[in-house]
Amino acid sequence: MEQESIFELLHAMDQVTNKLIIQWNRTFNENLGVSHILVLSHLYEHGKSRPSDIAKALGLTPPSLTHLSEKLISKKLAVRLADENDRRILYLEITELGHEMLHRAHKEGQELRKKLFEKLTPEERRQLRAIYEKLNS
């Protein structure tokens, strides 16, 4: 019985996450997915990075990252740079336009989560925060 209730909890968590992603994709009309935003976030947080390092950090395959970065480059959200000492080594770097897009994406996500959590009472939000803090520790 215990195992079944854990499965049901995981399923409910996945459903909430999936619905948030679907809603975000509907409202964020930039022809970009969550994975593109994750790449931009990585570049924002870590600065210019080698694609292989980004793929490893985000749990993506190198071909997937290549596909994602091509779109980011074509939309001028990121640029490809060659290493000054070894031109064979390439980096990705976020652009100013990429910073703006990332900010908008985060703002949209915050709005969606705010609407979601407004459905909870203050006590339910307090309990949920305590649960998340426990799971994160």
N, C-alpha and C. Protein backbone atom coordinates (compact mmCIF):
# COMPACT_ATOMS: atom_id res chain seq x y z
N MET A 1 0.82 -1.20 0.00
CA MET A 1 0.00 0.00 0.00
C MET A 1 0.87 1.26 0.00
N GLU A 2 1.94 1.25 0.79
CA GLU A 2 2.86 2.39 0.87
C GLU A 2 3.43 2.72 -0.50
N GLN A 3 3.87 1.69 -1.22
CA GLN A 3 4.45 1.89 -2.55
C GLN A 3 3.45 2.52 -3.51
N GLU A 4 2.19 2.09 -3.41
CA GLU A 4 1.14 2.61 -4.29
C GLU A 4 0.90 4.10 -4.02
N SER A 5 0.91 4.52 -2.75
CA SER A 5 0.67 5.93 -2.45
C SER A 5 1.85 6.80 -2.90
N ILE A 6 3.06 6.28 -2.84
CA ILE A 6 4.22 7.01 -3.35
C ILE A 6 4.11 7.17 -4.85
N PHE A 7 3.70 6.10 -5.54
CA PHE A 7 3.50 6.18 -6.99
C PHE A 7 2.45 7.23 -7.33
N GLU A 8 1.34 7.24 -6.57
CA GLU A 8 0.27 8.21 -6.82
C GLU A 8 0.77 9.64 -6.59
N LEU A 9 1.59 9.84 -5.57
CA LEU A 9 2.17 11.16 -5.30
C LEU A 9 3.08 11.59 -6.43
N LEU A 10 3.94 10.69 -6.88
CA LEU A 10 4.83 11.01 -8.01
C LEU A 10 4.05 11.33 -9.26
N HIS A 11 3.00 10.56 -9.50
CA HIS A 11 2.16 10.79 -10.67
C HIS A 11 1.50 12.17 -10.60
N ALA A 12 0.99 12.53 -9.42
CA ALA A 12 0.34 13.84 -9.25
C ALA A 12 1.35 14.96 -9.46
N MET A 13 2.57 14.79 -8.93
CA MET A 13 3.62 15.81 -9.11
C MET A 13 3.95 15.96 -10.59
N ASP A 14 4.09 14.84 -11.29
CA ASP A 14 4.38 14.88 -12.73
C ASP A 14 3.27 15.58 -13.51
N GLN A 15 2.03 15.32 -13.12
CA GLN A 15 0.90 15.95 -13.81
C GLN A 15 0.94 17.47 -13.65
N VAL A 16 1.24 17.94 -12.44
CA VAL A 16 1.33 19.39 -12.20
C VAL A 16 2.45 19.98 -13.04
N THR A 17 3.61 19.34 -13.04
CA THR A 17 4.76 19.82 -13.82
C THR A 17 4.42 19.85 -15.31
N ASN A 18 3.85 18.78 -15.82
CA ASN A 18 3.50 18.70 -17.24
C ASN A 18 2.49 19.78 -17.63
N LYS A 19 1.49 19.99 -16.78
CA LYS A 19 0.49 21.03 -17.08
C LYS A 19 1.12 22.41 -17.09
N LEU A 20 2.05 22.66 -16.15
CA LEU A 20 2.74 23.96 -16.13
C LEU A 20 3.55 24.17 -17.41
N ILE A 21 4.25 23.12 -17.85
CA ILE A 21 5.06 23.22 -19.07
C ILE A 21 4.16 23.48 -20.28
N ILE A 22 3.05 22.75 -20.36
CA ILE A 22 2.12 22.94 -21.48
C ILE A 22 1.56 24.35 -21.47
N GLN A 23 1.15 24.84 -20.29
CA GLN A 23 0.61 26.20 -20.20
C GLN A 23 1.69 27.22 -20.58
N TRP A 24 2.91 27.01 -20.10
CA TRP A 24 4.00 27.93 -20.41
C TRP A 24 4.24 27.96 -21.92
N ASN A 25 4.26 26.78 -22.55
CA ASN A 25 4.46 26.72 -24.00
C ASN A 25 3.36 27.46 -24.76
N ARG A 26 2.13 27.42 -24.24
CA ARG A 26 1.01 28.11 -24.89
C ARG A 26 1.12 29.63 -24.75
N THR A 27 1.54 30.09 -23.58
CA THR A 27 1.55 31.53 -23.34
C THR A 27 2.83 32.19 -23.83
N PHE A 28 3.92 31.45 -23.88
CA PHE A 28 5.21 32.01 -24.28
C PHE A 28 5.38 31.77 -25.78
N ASN A 29 4.85 32.65 -26.58
CA ASN A 29 4.79 32.47 -28.03
C ASN A 29 6.07 32.89 -28.73
N GLU A 30 7.16 32.23 -28.44
CA GLU A 30 8.44 32.58 -29.05
C GLU A 30 9.04 31.43 -29.85
N ASN A 31 8.27 30.36 -30.05
CA ASN A 31 8.75 29.20 -30.77
C ASN A 31 10.03 28.63 -30.12
N LEU A 32 10.04 28.66 -28.79
CA LEU A 32 11.13 28.09 -28.01
C LEU A 32 10.52 27.18 -26.96
N GLY A 33 11.24 26.11 -26.65
CA GLY A 33 10.78 25.20 -25.61
C GLY A 33 11.53 25.42 -24.32
N VAL A 34 11.15 24.67 -23.32
CA VAL A 34 11.79 24.75 -22.01
C VAL A 34 13.28 24.44 -22.12
N SER A 35 13.65 23.49 -22.98
CA SER A 35 15.07 23.13 -23.13
C SER A 35 15.90 24.30 -23.63
N HIS A 36 15.34 25.10 -24.53
CA HIS A 36 16.06 26.29 -25.01
C HIS A 36 16.32 27.25 -23.85
N ILE A 37 15.31 27.42 -23.01
CA ILE A 37 15.43 28.33 -21.88
C ILE A 37 16.44 27.78 -20.87
N LEU A 38 16.47 26.48 -20.69
CA LEU A 38 17.47 25.88 -19.80
C LEU A 38 18.89 26.15 -20.29
N VAL A 39 19.09 26.06 -21.60
CA VAL A 39 20.41 26.36 -22.17
C VAL A 39 20.76 27.83 -21.94
N LEU A 40 19.82 28.72 -22.19
CA LEU A 40 20.06 30.15 -21.95
C LEU A 40 20.37 30.40 -20.47
N SER A 41 19.65 29.74 -19.58
CA SER A 41 19.89 29.88 -18.14
C SER A 41 21.30 29.44 -17.78
N HIS A 42 21.71 28.32 -18.35
CA HIS A 42 23.07 27.82 -18.08
C HIS A 42 24.11 28.85 -18.54
N LEU A 43 23.91 29.39 -19.73
CA LEU A 43 24.85 30.39 -20.25
C LEU A 43 24.84 31.65 -19.40
N TYR A 44 23.68 32.04 -18.94
CA TYR A 44 23.57 33.23 -18.09
C TYR A 44 24.32 33.02 -16.77
N GLU A 45 24.13 31.84 -16.17
CA GLU A 45 24.72 31.54 -14.86
C GLU A 45 26.20 31.24 -14.93
N HIS A 46 26.66 30.59 -16.01
CA HIS A 46 28.04 30.11 -16.07
C HIS A 46 28.91 30.87 -17.07
N GLY A 47 28.30 31.77 -17.83
CA GLY A 47 29.07 32.47 -18.85
C GLY A 47 29.31 31.57 -20.05
N LYS A 48 30.18 32.03 -20.96
CA LYS A 48 30.42 31.23 -22.17
C LYS A 48 30.85 29.82 -21.78
N SER A 49 30.32 28.84 -22.50
CA SER A 49 30.53 27.44 -22.15
C SER A 49 30.68 26.59 -23.39
N ARG A 50 31.44 25.52 -23.25
CA ARG A 50 31.55 24.56 -24.35
C ARG A 50 30.25 23.76 -24.44
N PRO A 51 29.76 23.52 -25.63
CA PRO A 51 28.52 22.76 -25.78
C PRO A 51 28.53 21.42 -25.05
N SER A 52 29.65 20.73 -25.06
CA SER A 52 29.71 19.43 -24.37
C SER A 52 29.50 19.59 -22.86
N ASP A 53 30.00 20.69 -22.30
CA ASP A 53 29.81 20.95 -20.87
C ASP A 53 28.36 21.28 -20.56
N ILE A 54 27.72 22.03 -21.45
CA ILE A 54 26.31 22.38 -21.27
C ILE A 54 25.46 21.11 -21.33
N ALA A 55 25.73 20.28 -22.34
CA ALA A 55 24.97 19.03 -22.50
C ALA A 55 25.09 18.17 -21.25
N LYS A 56 26.31 18.03 -20.75
CA LYS A 56 26.54 17.22 -19.56
C LYS A 56 25.80 17.79 -18.35
N ALA A 57 25.89 19.11 -18.16
CA ALA A 57 25.25 19.75 -17.01
C ALA A 57 23.73 19.62 -17.05
N LEU A 58 23.15 19.66 -18.25
CA LEU A 58 21.69 19.62 -18.38
C LEU A 58 21.15 18.21 -18.65
N GLY A 59 22.04 17.24 -18.77
CA GLY A 59 21.60 15.87 -19.03
C GLY A 59 21.06 15.68 -20.44
N LEU A 60 21.65 16.40 -21.39
CA LEU A 60 21.24 16.30 -22.79
C LEU A 60 22.31 15.57 -23.60
N THR A 61 21.92 15.02 -24.72
CA THR A 61 22.91 14.43 -25.61
C THR A 61 23.55 15.55 -26.43
N PRO A 62 24.80 15.37 -26.86
CA PRO A 62 25.44 16.40 -27.70
C PRO A 62 24.62 16.73 -28.96
N PRO A 63 24.05 15.75 -29.68
CA PRO A 63 23.23 16.12 -30.84
C PRO A 63 22.02 16.98 -30.47
N SER A 64 21.39 16.69 -29.33
CA SER A 64 20.26 17.50 -28.88
C SER A 64 20.70 18.93 -28.61
N LEU A 65 21.85 19.06 -27.96
CA LEU A 65 22.34 20.41 -27.67
C LEU A 65 22.70 21.15 -28.94
N THR A 66 23.24 20.44 -29.92
CA THR A 66 23.56 21.07 -31.21
C THR A 66 22.28 21.63 -31.83
N HIS A 67 21.23 20.84 -31.82
CA HIS A 67 19.94 21.27 -32.38
C HIS A 67 19.41 22.50 -31.63
N LEU A 68 19.45 22.46 -30.31
CA LEU A 68 18.97 23.58 -29.51
C LEU A 68 19.80 24.84 -29.77
N SER A 69 21.12 24.67 -29.81
CA SER A 69 21.97 25.86 -29.98
C SER A 69 21.84 26.47 -31.37
N GLU A 70 21.60 25.65 -32.39
CA GLU A 70 21.40 26.20 -33.73
C GLU A 70 20.20 27.15 -33.74
N LYS A 71 19.15 26.75 -33.06
CA LYS A 71 17.96 27.61 -33.01
C LYS A 71 18.24 28.89 -32.22
N LEU A 72 18.95 28.75 -31.10
CA LEU A 72 19.28 29.94 -30.29
C LEU A 72 20.16 30.90 -31.09
N ILE A 73 21.09 30.36 -31.86
CA ILE A 73 21.97 31.19 -32.67
C ILE A 73 21.18 31.86 -33.80
N SER A 74 20.31 31.11 -34.45
CA SER A 74 19.53 31.68 -35.56
C SER A 74 18.59 32.78 -35.08
N LYS A 75 18.14 32.68 -33.81
CA LYS A 75 17.26 33.72 -33.25
C LYS A 75 18.08 34.83 -32.58
N LYS A 76 19.41 34.74 -32.68
CA LYS A 76 20.33 35.74 -32.12
C LYS A 76 20.23 35.83 -30.59
N LEU A 77 19.91 34.71 -29.96
CA LEU A 77 19.83 34.64 -28.50
C LEU A 77 21.16 34.17 -27.91
N ALA A 78 21.99 33.57 -28.76
CA ALA A 78 23.31 33.10 -28.36
C ALA A 78 24.22 33.22 -29.59
N VAL A 79 25.51 33.24 -29.31
CA VAL A 79 26.51 33.27 -30.39
C VAL A 79 27.52 32.15 -30.15
N ARG A 80 28.14 31.73 -31.23
CA ARG A 80 29.20 30.73 -31.18
C ARG A 80 30.52 31.48 -31.25
N LEU A 81 31.43 31.17 -30.34
CA LEU A 81 32.74 31.81 -30.29
C LEU A 81 33.84 30.76 -30.36
N ALA A 82 34.91 31.07 -31.06
CA ALA A 82 36.07 30.18 -31.10
C ALA A 82 37.03 30.57 -29.98
N ASP A 83 37.70 29.59 -29.42
CA ASP A 83 38.70 29.83 -28.39
C ASP A 83 39.86 30.62 -29.00
N GLU A 84 40.36 31.60 -28.27
CA GLU A 84 41.44 32.45 -28.79
C GLU A 84 42.73 31.67 -29.03
N ASN A 85 42.99 30.66 -28.20
CA ASN A 85 44.25 29.89 -28.31
C ASN A 85 44.13 28.65 -29.18
N ASP A 86 42.94 28.12 -29.29
CA ASP A 86 42.73 26.90 -30.08
C ASP A 86 41.40 27.04 -30.83
N ARG A 87 41.47 27.42 -32.08
CA ARG A 87 40.28 27.73 -32.88
C ARG A 87 39.36 26.51 -33.05
N ARG A 88 39.85 25.32 -32.74
CA ARG A 88 39.00 24.13 -32.85
C ARG A 88 37.98 24.05 -31.71
N ILE A 89 38.26 24.75 -30.61
CA ILE A 89 37.36 24.73 -29.45
C ILE A 89 36.33 25.84 -29.60
N LEU A 90 35.07 25.45 -29.54
CA LEU A 90 33.98 26.42 -29.69
C LEU A 90 33.23 26.59 -28.37
N TYR A 91 32.70 27.78 -28.19
CA TYR A 91 31.90 28.10 -27.02
C TYR A 91 30.56 28.68 -27.48
N LEU A 92 29.59 28.60 -26.58
CA LEU A 92 28.34 29.33 -26.77
C LEU A 92 28.31 30.43 -25.72
N GLU A 93 27.75 31.57 -26.11
CA GLU A 93 27.60 32.68 -25.17
C GLU A 93 26.24 33.33 -25.39
N ILE A 94 25.59 33.69 -24.31
CA ILE A 94 24.28 34.33 -24.39
C ILE A 94 24.47 35.78 -24.87
N THR A 95 23.52 36.27 -25.66
CA THR A 95 23.55 37.65 -26.13
C THR A 95 22.63 38.51 -25.26
N GLU A 96 22.65 39.80 -25.51
CA GLU A 96 21.74 40.71 -24.78
C GLU A 96 20.28 40.33 -25.08
N LEU A 97 20.01 40.01 -26.33
CA LEU A 97 18.67 39.56 -26.70
C LEU A 97 18.31 38.27 -25.96
N GLY A 98 19.29 37.39 -25.78
CA GLY A 98 19.09 36.16 -25.01
C GLY A 98 18.76 36.45 -23.56
N HIS A 99 19.45 37.46 -22.98
CA HIS A 99 19.15 37.87 -21.59
C HIS A 99 17.69 38.33 -21.49
N GLU A 100 17.27 39.14 -22.45
CA GLU A 100 15.89 39.65 -22.44
C GLU A 100 14.88 38.51 -22.55
N MET A 101 15.16 37.57 -23.45
CA MET A 101 14.27 36.43 -23.65
C MET A 101 14.19 35.58 -22.38
N LEU A 102 15.33 35.35 -21.76
CA LEU A 102 15.38 34.57 -20.53
C LEU A 102 14.57 35.26 -19.43
N HIS A 103 14.71 36.56 -19.33
CA HIS A 103 13.96 37.32 -18.33
C HIS A 103 12.45 37.17 -18.57
N ARG A 104 12.03 37.30 -19.83
CA ARG A 104 10.61 37.16 -20.17
C ARG A 104 10.11 35.75 -19.85
N ALA A 105 10.92 34.75 -20.19
CA ALA A 105 10.52 33.36 -19.94
C ALA A 105 10.35 33.11 -18.44
N HIS A 106 11.28 33.62 -17.64
CA HIS A 106 11.18 33.44 -16.19
C HIS A 106 9.96 34.17 -15.64
N LYS A 107 9.70 35.36 -16.16
CA LYS A 107 8.55 36.13 -15.71
C LYS A 107 7.25 35.37 -16.01
N GLU A 108 7.15 34.81 -17.22
CA GLU A 108 5.96 34.01 -17.59
C GLU A 108 5.81 32.82 -16.65
N GLY A 109 6.92 32.13 -16.38
CA GLY A 109 6.88 30.98 -15.48
C GLY A 109 6.45 31.36 -14.08
N GLN A 110 6.94 32.50 -13.60
CA GLN A 110 6.55 32.96 -12.26
C GLN A 110 5.06 33.27 -12.21
N GLU A 111 4.54 33.90 -13.24
CA GLU A 111 3.11 34.21 -13.29
C GLU A 111 2.27 32.94 -13.26
N LEU A 112 2.68 31.95 -14.04
CA LEU A 112 1.92 30.68 -14.06
C LEU A 112 1.95 30.00 -12.70
N ARG A 113 3.12 29.97 -12.07
CA ARG A 113 3.23 29.34 -10.75
C ARG A 113 2.45 30.12 -9.70
N LYS A 114 2.48 31.44 -9.82
CA LYS A 114 1.72 32.27 -8.87
C LYS A 114 0.23 31.94 -8.96
N LYS A 115 -0.29 31.86 -10.19
CA LYS A 115 -1.70 31.51 -10.37
C LYS A 115 -2.00 30.12 -9.80
N LEU A 116 -1.07 29.19 -9.98
CA LEU A 116 -1.26 27.84 -9.48
C LEU A 116 -1.31 27.83 -7.95
N PHE A 117 -0.34 28.49 -7.31
CA PHE A 117 -0.25 28.43 -5.86
C PHE A 117 -1.27 29.32 -5.16
N GLU A 118 -1.88 30.26 -5.90
CA GLU A 118 -2.96 31.07 -5.32
C GLU A 118 -4.18 30.21 -5.01
N LYS A 119 -4.26 29.02 -5.61
CA LYS A 119 -5.38 28.11 -5.34
C LYS A 119 -5.28 27.52 -3.94
N LEU A 120 -4.09 27.59 -3.34
CA LEU A 120 -3.88 27.03 -2.01
C LEU A 120 -4.14 28.07 -0.93
N THR A 121 -4.58 27.60 0.23
CA THR A 121 -4.75 28.50 1.37
C THR A 121 -3.35 28.86 1.90
N PRO A 122 -3.25 29.92 2.70
CA PRO A 122 -1.95 30.25 3.30
C PRO A 122 -1.35 29.07 4.09
N GLU A 123 -2.19 28.33 4.79
CA GLU A 123 -1.70 27.18 5.56
C GLU A 123 -1.19 26.07 4.62
N GLU A 124 -1.90 25.82 3.53
CA GLU A 124 -1.45 24.80 2.57
C GLU A 124 -0.12 25.22 1.93
N ARG A 125 0.04 26.51 1.64
CA ARG A 125 1.30 26.99 1.08
C ARG A 125 2.44 26.82 2.09
N ARG A 126 2.16 27.11 3.36
CA ARG A 126 3.18 26.93 4.41
C ARG A 126 3.59 25.46 4.49
N GLN A 127 2.60 24.56 4.47
CA GLN A 127 2.89 23.13 4.53
C GLN A 127 3.69 22.67 3.31
N LEU A 128 3.29 23.15 2.14
CA LEU A 128 3.99 22.76 0.92
C LEU A 128 5.44 23.25 0.94
N ARG A 129 5.64 24.49 1.40
CA ARG A 129 7.00 25.02 1.49
C ARG A 129 7.84 24.16 2.44
N ALA A 130 7.25 23.76 3.58
CA ALA A 130 7.97 22.92 4.54
C ALA A 130 8.31 21.55 3.91
N ILE A 131 7.39 21.02 3.13
CA ILE A 131 7.62 19.73 2.46
C ILE A 131 8.76 19.87 1.45
N TYR A 132 8.72 20.94 0.63
CA TYR A 132 9.77 21.14 -0.36
C TYR A 132 11.13 21.35 0.31
N GLU A 133 11.15 22.10 1.39
CA GLU A 133 12.43 22.32 2.09
C GLU A 133 12.97 20.99 2.63
N LYS A 134 12.09 20.14 3.13
CA LYS A 134 12.50 18.83 3.65
C LYS A 134 13.05 17.96 2.52
N LEU A 135 12.35 17.96 1.36
CA LEU A 135 12.78 17.15 0.22
C LEU A 135 14.11 17.66 -0.35
N ASN A 136 14.34 18.98 -0.30
CA ASN A 136 15.57 19.56 -0.83
C ASN A 136 16.78 19.41 0.08
N SER A 137 16.54 19.09 1.36
CA SER A 137 17.67 18.99 2.31
C SER A 137 18.31 17.62 2.28
